[in-house]
Amino acid sequence: MPKLKTRKAALKRYKITSTSNFLRRHAFKGHLLMKKSNRQKRKLSQTLCVSQNDLKPIKLMLPY
């Protein structure tokens, strides 16, 4: 059986926690920031856990 390869794009976007959850960043924080309020930009800067529906495909992309 050959070794599984890690998807490098997923490796850059997700970080695994000690309880096998994945952390991700919010979208909409890359550009056009002048029209967004400080409160919105502060909320978008926080990391959050990936939802349970997206967990299985991410685990397949990051096998190790």
PDB file of N, CA and C in Angstrom:
ATOM      1  N   MET A   1       0.845  -1.184   0.000  1.00  0.00           N
ATOM      2  CA  MET A   1       0.000   0.000   0.000  1.00  0.00           C
ATOM      3  C   MET A   1       0.893   1.251   0.000  1.00  0.00           C
ATOM      4  N   PRO A   2       0.719   2.145  -0.963  1.00  0.00           N
ATOM      5  CA  PRO A   2       1.557   3.345  -0.986  1.00  0.00           C
ATOM      6  C   PRO A   2       1.168   4.320   0.119  1.00  0.00           C
ATOM      7  N   LYS A   3       2.118   5.167   0.428  1.00  0.00           N
ATOM      8  CA  LYS A   3       1.848   6.181   1.442  1.00  0.00           C
ATOM      9  C   LYS A   3       0.866   7.218   0.902  1.00  0.00           C
ATOM     10  N   LEU A   4       0.057   7.773   1.786  1.00  0.00           N
ATOM     11  CA  LEU A   4      -0.884   8.820   1.399  1.00  0.00           C
ATOM     12  C   LEU A   4      -0.180  10.158   1.406  1.00  0.00           C
ATOM     13  N   LYS A   5      -0.502  10.991   0.438  1.00  0.00           N
ATOM     14  CA  LYS A   5       0.105  12.313   0.375  1.00  0.00           C
ATOM     15  C   LYS A   5      -0.795  13.336   1.051  1.00  0.00           C
ATOM     16  N   THR A   6      -0.169  14.314   1.678  1.00  0.00           N
ATOM     17  CA  THR A   6      -0.881  15.410   2.316  1.00  0.00           C
ATOM     18  C   THR A   6      -1.183  16.480   1.285  1.00  0.00           C
ATOM     19  N   ARG A   7      -2.403  16.990   1.301  1.00  0.00           N
ATOM     20  CA  ARG A   7      -2.741  18.129   0.445  1.00  0.00           C
ATOM     21  C   ARG A   7      -2.109  19.375   1.054  1.00  0.00           C
ATOM     22  N   LYS A   8      -1.179  19.962   0.344  1.00  0.00           N
ATOM     23  CA  LYS A   8      -0.422  21.090   0.887  1.00  0.00           C
ATOM     24  C   LYS A   8      -1.293  22.325   1.087  1.00  0.00           C
ATOM     25  N   ALA A   9      -2.318  22.496   0.261  1.00  0.00           N
ATOM     26  CA  ALA A   9      -3.218  23.639   0.430  1.00  0.00           C
ATOM     27  C   ALA A   9      -3.986  23.520   1.738  1.00  0.00           C
ATOM     28  N   ALA A  10      -4.412  22.308   2.076  1.00  0.00           N
ATOM     29  CA  ALA A  10      -5.129  22.095   3.332  1.00  0.00           C
ATOM     30  C   ALA A  10      -4.193  22.241   4.524  1.00  0.00           C
ATOM     31  N   LEU A  11      -2.950  21.829   4.354  1.00  0.00           N
ATOM     32  CA  LEU A  11      -1.978  21.946   5.443  1.00  0.00           C
ATOM     33  C   LEU A  11      -1.748  23.408   5.811  1.00  0.00           C
ATOM     34  N   LYS A  12      -1.808  24.302   4.818  1.00  0.00           N
ATOM     35  CA  LYS A  12      -1.607  25.721   5.084  1.00  0.00           C
ATOM     36  C   LYS A  12      -2.837  26.372   5.700  1.00  0.00           C
ATOM     37  N   ARG A  13      -4.020  25.806   5.488  1.00  0.00           N
ATOM     38  CA  ARG A  13      -5.252  26.448   5.931  1.00  0.00           C
ATOM     39  C   ARG A  13      -5.765  25.967   7.269  1.00  0.00           C
ATOM     40  N   TYR A  14      -5.437  24.742   7.663  1.00  0.00           N
ATOM     41  CA  TYR A  14      -6.013  24.163   8.875  1.00  0.00           C
ATOM     42  C   TYR A  14      -4.919  23.789   9.857  1.00  0.00           C
ATOM     43  N   LYS A  15      -5.246  23.894  11.140  1.00  0.00           N
ATOM     44  CA  LYS A  15      -4.338  23.485  12.202  1.00  0.00           C
ATOM     45  C   LYS A  15      -5.092  22.503  13.085  1.00  0.00           C
ATOM     46  N   ILE A  16      -4.458  21.379  13.407  1.00  0.00           N
ATOM     47  CA  ILE A  16      -5.118  20.344  14.189  1.00  0.00           C
ATOM     48  C   ILE A  16      -4.904  20.626  15.678  1.00  0.00           C
ATOM     49  N   THR A  17      -5.953  20.377  16.468  1.00  0.00           N
ATOM     50  CA  THR A  17      -5.872  20.563  17.912  1.00  0.00           C
ATOM     51  C   THR A  17      -5.586  19.225  18.574  1.00  0.00           C
ATOM     52  N   SER A  18      -5.427  19.229  19.878  1.00  0.00           N
ATOM     53  CA  SER A  18      -5.118  17.998  20.592  1.00  0.00           C
ATOM     54  C   SER A  18      -6.299  17.050  20.651  1.00  0.00           C
ATOM     55  N   THR A  19      -7.522  17.556  20.460  1.00  0.00           N
ATOM     56  CA  THR A  19      -8.717  16.710  20.487  1.00  0.00           C
ATOM     57  C   THR A  19      -9.175  16.344  19.080  1.00  0.00           C
ATOM     58  N   SER A  20      -8.271  16.379  18.117  1.00  0.00           N
ATOM     59  CA  SER A  20      -8.526  16.007  16.715  1.00  0.00           C
ATOM     60  C   SER A  20      -9.550  16.892  16.035  1.00  0.00           C
ATOM     61  N   ASN A  21      -9.718  18.117  16.498  1.00  0.00           N
ATOM     62  CA  ASN A  21     -10.508  19.100  15.764  1.00  0.00           C
ATOM     63  C   ASN A  21      -9.565  19.915  14.899  1.00  0.00           C
ATOM     64  N   PHE A  22     -10.133  20.674  13.977  1.00  0.00           N
ATOM     65  CA  PHE A  22      -9.333  21.519  13.105  1.00  0.00           C
ATOM     66  C   PHE A  22      -9.743  22.963  13.298  1.00  0.00           C
ATOM     67  N   LEU A  23      -8.753  23.836  13.351  1.00  0.00           N
ATOM     68  CA  LEU A  23      -8.996  25.268  13.458  1.00  0.00           C
ATOM     69  C   LEU A  23      -8.882  25.885  12.077  1.00  0.00           C
ATOM     70  N   ARG A  24      -9.711  26.894  11.831  1.00  0.00           N
ATOM     71  CA  ARG A  24      -9.674  27.594  10.551  1.00  0.00           C
ATOM     72  C   ARG A  24      -9.839  29.079  10.794  1.00  0.00           C
ATOM     73  N   ARG A  25      -9.523  29.861   9.768  1.00  0.00           N
ATOM     74  CA  ARG A  25      -9.703  31.300   9.824  1.00  0.00           C
ATOM     75  C   ARG A  25     -11.031  31.670   9.185  1.00  0.00           C
ATOM     76  N   HIS A  26     -11.475  32.884   9.458  1.00  0.00           N
ATOM     77  CA  HIS A  26     -12.686  33.395   8.818  1.00  0.00           C
ATOM     78  C   HIS A  26     -12.367  33.870   7.408  1.00  0.00           C
ATOM     79  N   ALA A  27     -13.383  33.875   6.577  1.00  0.00           N
ATOM     80  CA  ALA A  27     -13.272  34.462   5.249  1.00  0.00           C
ATOM     81  C   ALA A  27     -13.548  35.970   5.342  1.00  0.00           C
ATOM     82  N   PHE A  28     -13.376  36.663   4.236  1.00  0.00           N
ATOM     83  CA  PHE A  28     -13.687  38.099   4.089  1.00  0.00           C
ATOM     84  C   PHE A  28     -12.747  38.994   4.904  1.00  0.00           C
ATOM     85  N   LYS A  29     -11.527  38.580   5.145  1.00  0.00           N
ATOM     86  CA  LYS A  29     -10.586  39.420   5.886  1.00  0.00           C
ATOM     87  C   LYS A  29      -9.383  39.773   5.031  1.00  0.00           C
ATOM     88  N   GLY A  30      -9.413  39.437   3.734  1.00  0.00           N
ATOM     89  CA  GLY A  30      -8.240  39.621   2.895  1.00  0.00           C
ATOM     90  C   GLY A  30      -8.102  41.012   2.299  1.00  0.00           C
ATOM     91  N   HIS A  31      -9.200  41.619   1.895  1.00  0.00           N
ATOM     92  CA  HIS A  31      -9.121  42.920   1.234  1.00  0.00           C
ATOM     93  C   HIS A  31     -10.460  43.628   1.406  1.00  0.00           C
ATOM     94  N   LEU A  32     -10.554  44.846   0.881  1.00  0.00           N
ATOM     95  CA  LEU A  32     -11.736  45.708   1.027  1.00  0.00           C
ATOM     96  C   LEU A  32     -12.077  45.926   2.500  1.00  0.00           C
ATOM     97  N   LEU A  33     -11.070  46.266   3.290  1.00  0.00           N
ATOM     98  CA  LEU A  33     -11.259  46.352   4.732  1.00  0.00           C
ATOM     99  C   LEU A  33     -11.689  47.740   5.195  1.00  0.00           C
ATOM    100  N   MET A  34     -11.610  48.750   4.327  1.00  0.00           N
ATOM    101  CA  MET A  34     -11.956  50.096   4.780  1.00  0.00           C
ATOM    102  C   MET A  34     -13.454  50.244   5.019  1.00  0.00           C
ATOM    103  N   LYS A  35     -14.272  49.518   4.267  1.00  0.00           N
ATOM    104  CA  LYS A  35     -15.718  49.643   4.426  1.00  0.00           C
ATOM    105  C   LYS A  35     -16.258  48.788   5.569  1.00  0.00           C
ATOM    106  N   LYS A  36     -15.435  47.906   6.113  1.00  0.00           N
ATOM    107  CA  LYS A  36     -15.879  47.044   7.208  1.00  0.00           C
ATOM    108  C   LYS A  36     -15.592  47.725   8.539  1.00  0.00           C
ATOM    109  N   SER A  37     -16.468  47.511   9.486  1.00  0.00           N
ATOM    110  CA  SER A  37     -16.303  48.146  10.793  1.00  0.00           C
ATOM    111  C   SER A  37     -15.187  47.460  11.576  1.00  0.00           C
ATOM    112  N   ASN A  38     -14.687  48.161  12.581  1.00  0.00           N
ATOM    113  CA  ASN A  38     -13.636  47.597  13.421  1.00  0.00           C
ATOM    114  C   ASN A  38     -14.136  46.359  14.147  1.00  0.00           C
ATOM    115  N   ARG A  39     -15.399  46.386  14.545  1.00  0.00           N
ATOM    116  CA  ARG A  39     -15.969  45.235  15.250  1.00  0.00           C
ATOM    117  C   ARG A  39     -16.014  44.007  14.342  1.00  0.00           C
ATOM    118  N   GLN A  40     -16.410  44.215  13.085  1.00  0.00           N
ATOM    119  CA  GLN A  40     -16.470  43.104  12.147  1.00  0.00           C
ATOM    120  C   GLN A  40     -15.078  42.547  11.864  1.00  0.00           C
ATOM    121  N   LYS A  41     -14.094  43.441  11.675  1.00  0.00           N
ATOM    122  CA  LYS A  41     -12.738  42.982  11.400  1.00  0.00           C
ATOM    123  C   LYS A  41     -12.149  42.247  12.597  1.00  0.00           C
ATOM    124  N   ARG A  42     -12.489  42.692  13.805  1.00  0.00           N
ATOM    125  CA  ARG A  42     -12.002  42.015  15.014  1.00  0.00           C
ATOM    126  C   ARG A  42     -12.603  40.618  15.137  1.00  0.00           C
ATOM    127  N   LYS A  43     -13.883  40.491  14.821  1.00  0.00           N
ATOM    128  CA  LYS A  43     -14.530  39.179  14.868  1.00  0.00           C
ATOM    129  C   LYS A  43     -13.980  38.248  13.789  1.00  0.00           C
ATOM    130  N   LEU A  44     -13.664  38.787  12.621  1.00  0.00           N
ATOM    131  CA  LEU A  44     -13.131  37.966  11.542  1.00  0.00           C
ATOM    132  C   LEU A  44     -11.701  37.512  11.808  1.00  0.00           C
ATOM    133  N   SER A  45     -10.996  38.158  12.732  1.00  0.00           N
ATOM    134  CA  SER A  45      -9.627  37.786  13.033  1.00  0.00           C
ATOM    135  C   SER A  45      -9.542  36.553  13.916  1.00  0.00           C
ATOM    136  N   GLN A  46     -10.633  36.185  14.575  1.00  0.00           N
ATOM    137  CA  GLN A  46     -10.607  35.054  15.489  1.00  0.00           C
ATOM    138  C   GLN A  46     -10.638  33.738  14.716  1.00  0.00           C
ATOM    139  N   THR A  47     -10.007  32.718  15.291  1.00  0.00           N
ATOM    140  CA  THR A  47     -10.072  31.392  14.696  1.00  0.00           C
ATOM    141  C   THR A  47     -11.228  30.625  15.310  1.00  0.00           C
ATOM    142  N   LEU A  48     -11.722  29.644  14.585  1.00  0.00           N
ATOM    143  CA  LEU A  48     -12.820  28.838  15.075  1.00  0.00           C
ATOM    144  C   LEU A  48     -12.664  27.414  14.582  1.00  0.00           C
ATOM    145  N   CYS A  49     -13.397  26.508  15.191  1.00  0.00           N
ATOM    146  CA  CYS A  49     -13.329  25.101  14.817  1.00  0.00           C
ATOM    147  C   CYS A  49     -14.136  24.861  13.548  1.00  0.00           C
ATOM    148  N   VAL A  50     -13.688  23.893  12.789  1.00  0.00           N
ATOM    149  CA  VAL A  50     -14.393  23.485  11.576  1.00  0.00           C
ATOM    150  C   VAL A  50     -15.672  22.767  11.979  1.00  0.00           C
ATOM    151  N   SER A  51     -16.731  22.942  11.207  1.00  0.00           N
ATOM    152  CA  SER A  51     -17.997  22.303  11.520  1.00  0.00           C
ATOM    153  C   SER A  51     -17.896  20.787  11.313  1.00  0.00           C
ATOM    154  N   GLN A  52     -18.811  20.062  11.913  1.00  0.00           N
ATOM    155  CA  GLN A  52     -18.794  18.596  11.839  1.00  0.00           C
ATOM    156  C   GLN A  52     -19.035  18.102  10.413  1.00  0.00           C
ATOM    157  N   ASN A  53     -19.748  18.871   9.597  1.00  0.00           N
ATOM    158  CA  ASN A  53     -20.014  18.457   8.215  1.00  0.00           C
ATOM    159  C   ASN A  53     -18.758  18.490   7.354  1.00  0.00           C
ATOM    160  N   ASP A  54     -17.820  19.372   7.675  1.00  0.00           N
ATOM    161  CA  ASP A  54     -16.602  19.509   6.882  1.00  0.00           C
ATOM    162  C   ASP A  54     -15.441  18.704   7.436  1.00  0.00           C
ATOM    163  N   LEU A  55     -15.639  18.006   8.528  1.00  0.00           N
ATOM    164  CA  LEU A  55     -14.535  17.342   9.211  1.00  0.00           C
ATOM    165  C   LEU A  55     -13.998  16.150   8.427  1.00  0.00           C
ATOM    166  N   LYS A  56     -14.872  15.358   7.846  1.00  0.00           N
ATOM    167  CA  LYS A  56     -14.435  14.140   7.159  1.00  0.00           C
ATOM    168  C   LYS A  56     -13.559  14.432   5.936  1.00  0.00           C
ATOM    169  N   PRO A  57     -13.934  15.374   5.042  1.00  0.00           N
ATOM    170  CA  PRO A  57     -13.048  15.653   3.905  1.00  0.00           C
ATOM    171  C   PRO A  57     -11.698  16.227   4.317  1.00  0.00           C
ATOM    172  N   ILE A  58     -11.667  17.003   5.389  1.00  0.00           N
ATOM    173  CA  ILE A  58     -10.396  17.579   5.829  1.00  0.00           C
ATOM    174  C   ILE A  58      -9.495  16.495   6.400  1.00  0.00           C
ATOM    175  N   LYS A  59     -10.073  15.533   7.111  1.00  0.00           N
ATOM    176  CA  LYS A  59      -9.269  14.424   7.627  1.00  0.00           C
ATOM    177  C   LYS A  59      -8.688  13.583   6.497  1.00  0.00           C
ATOM    178  N   LEU A  60      -9.401  13.477   5.375  1.00  0.00           N
ATOM    179  CA  LEU A  60      -8.864  12.755   4.229  1.00  0.00           C
ATOM    180  C   LEU A  60      -7.721  13.534   3.572  1.00  0.00           C
ATOM    181  N   MET A  61      -7.805  14.863   3.578  1.00  0.00           N
ATOM    182  CA  MET A  61      -6.747  15.660   2.978  1.00  0.00           C
ATOM    183  C   MET A  61      -5.502  15.718   3.846  1.00  0.00           C
ATOM    184  N   LEU A  62      -5.664  15.552   5.154  1.00  0.00           N
ATOM    185  CA  LEU A  62      -4.539  15.596   6.098  1.00  0.00           C
ATOM    186  C   LEU A  62      -4.438  14.262   6.825  1.00  0.00           C
ATOM    187  N   PRO A  63      -3.878  13.239   6.184  1.00  0.00           N
ATOM    188  CA  PRO A  63      -3.897  11.912   6.792  1.00  0.00           C
ATOM    189  C   PRO A  63      -2.948  11.750   7.974  1.00  0.00           C
ATOM    190  N   TYR A  64      -1.885  12.545   8.076  1.00  0.00           N
ATOM    191  CA  TYR A  64      -0.897  12.343   9.140  1.00  0.00           C
ATOM    192  C   TYR A  64      -0.818  13.521  10.065  1.00  0.00           C
TER     193      TYR A  64
END
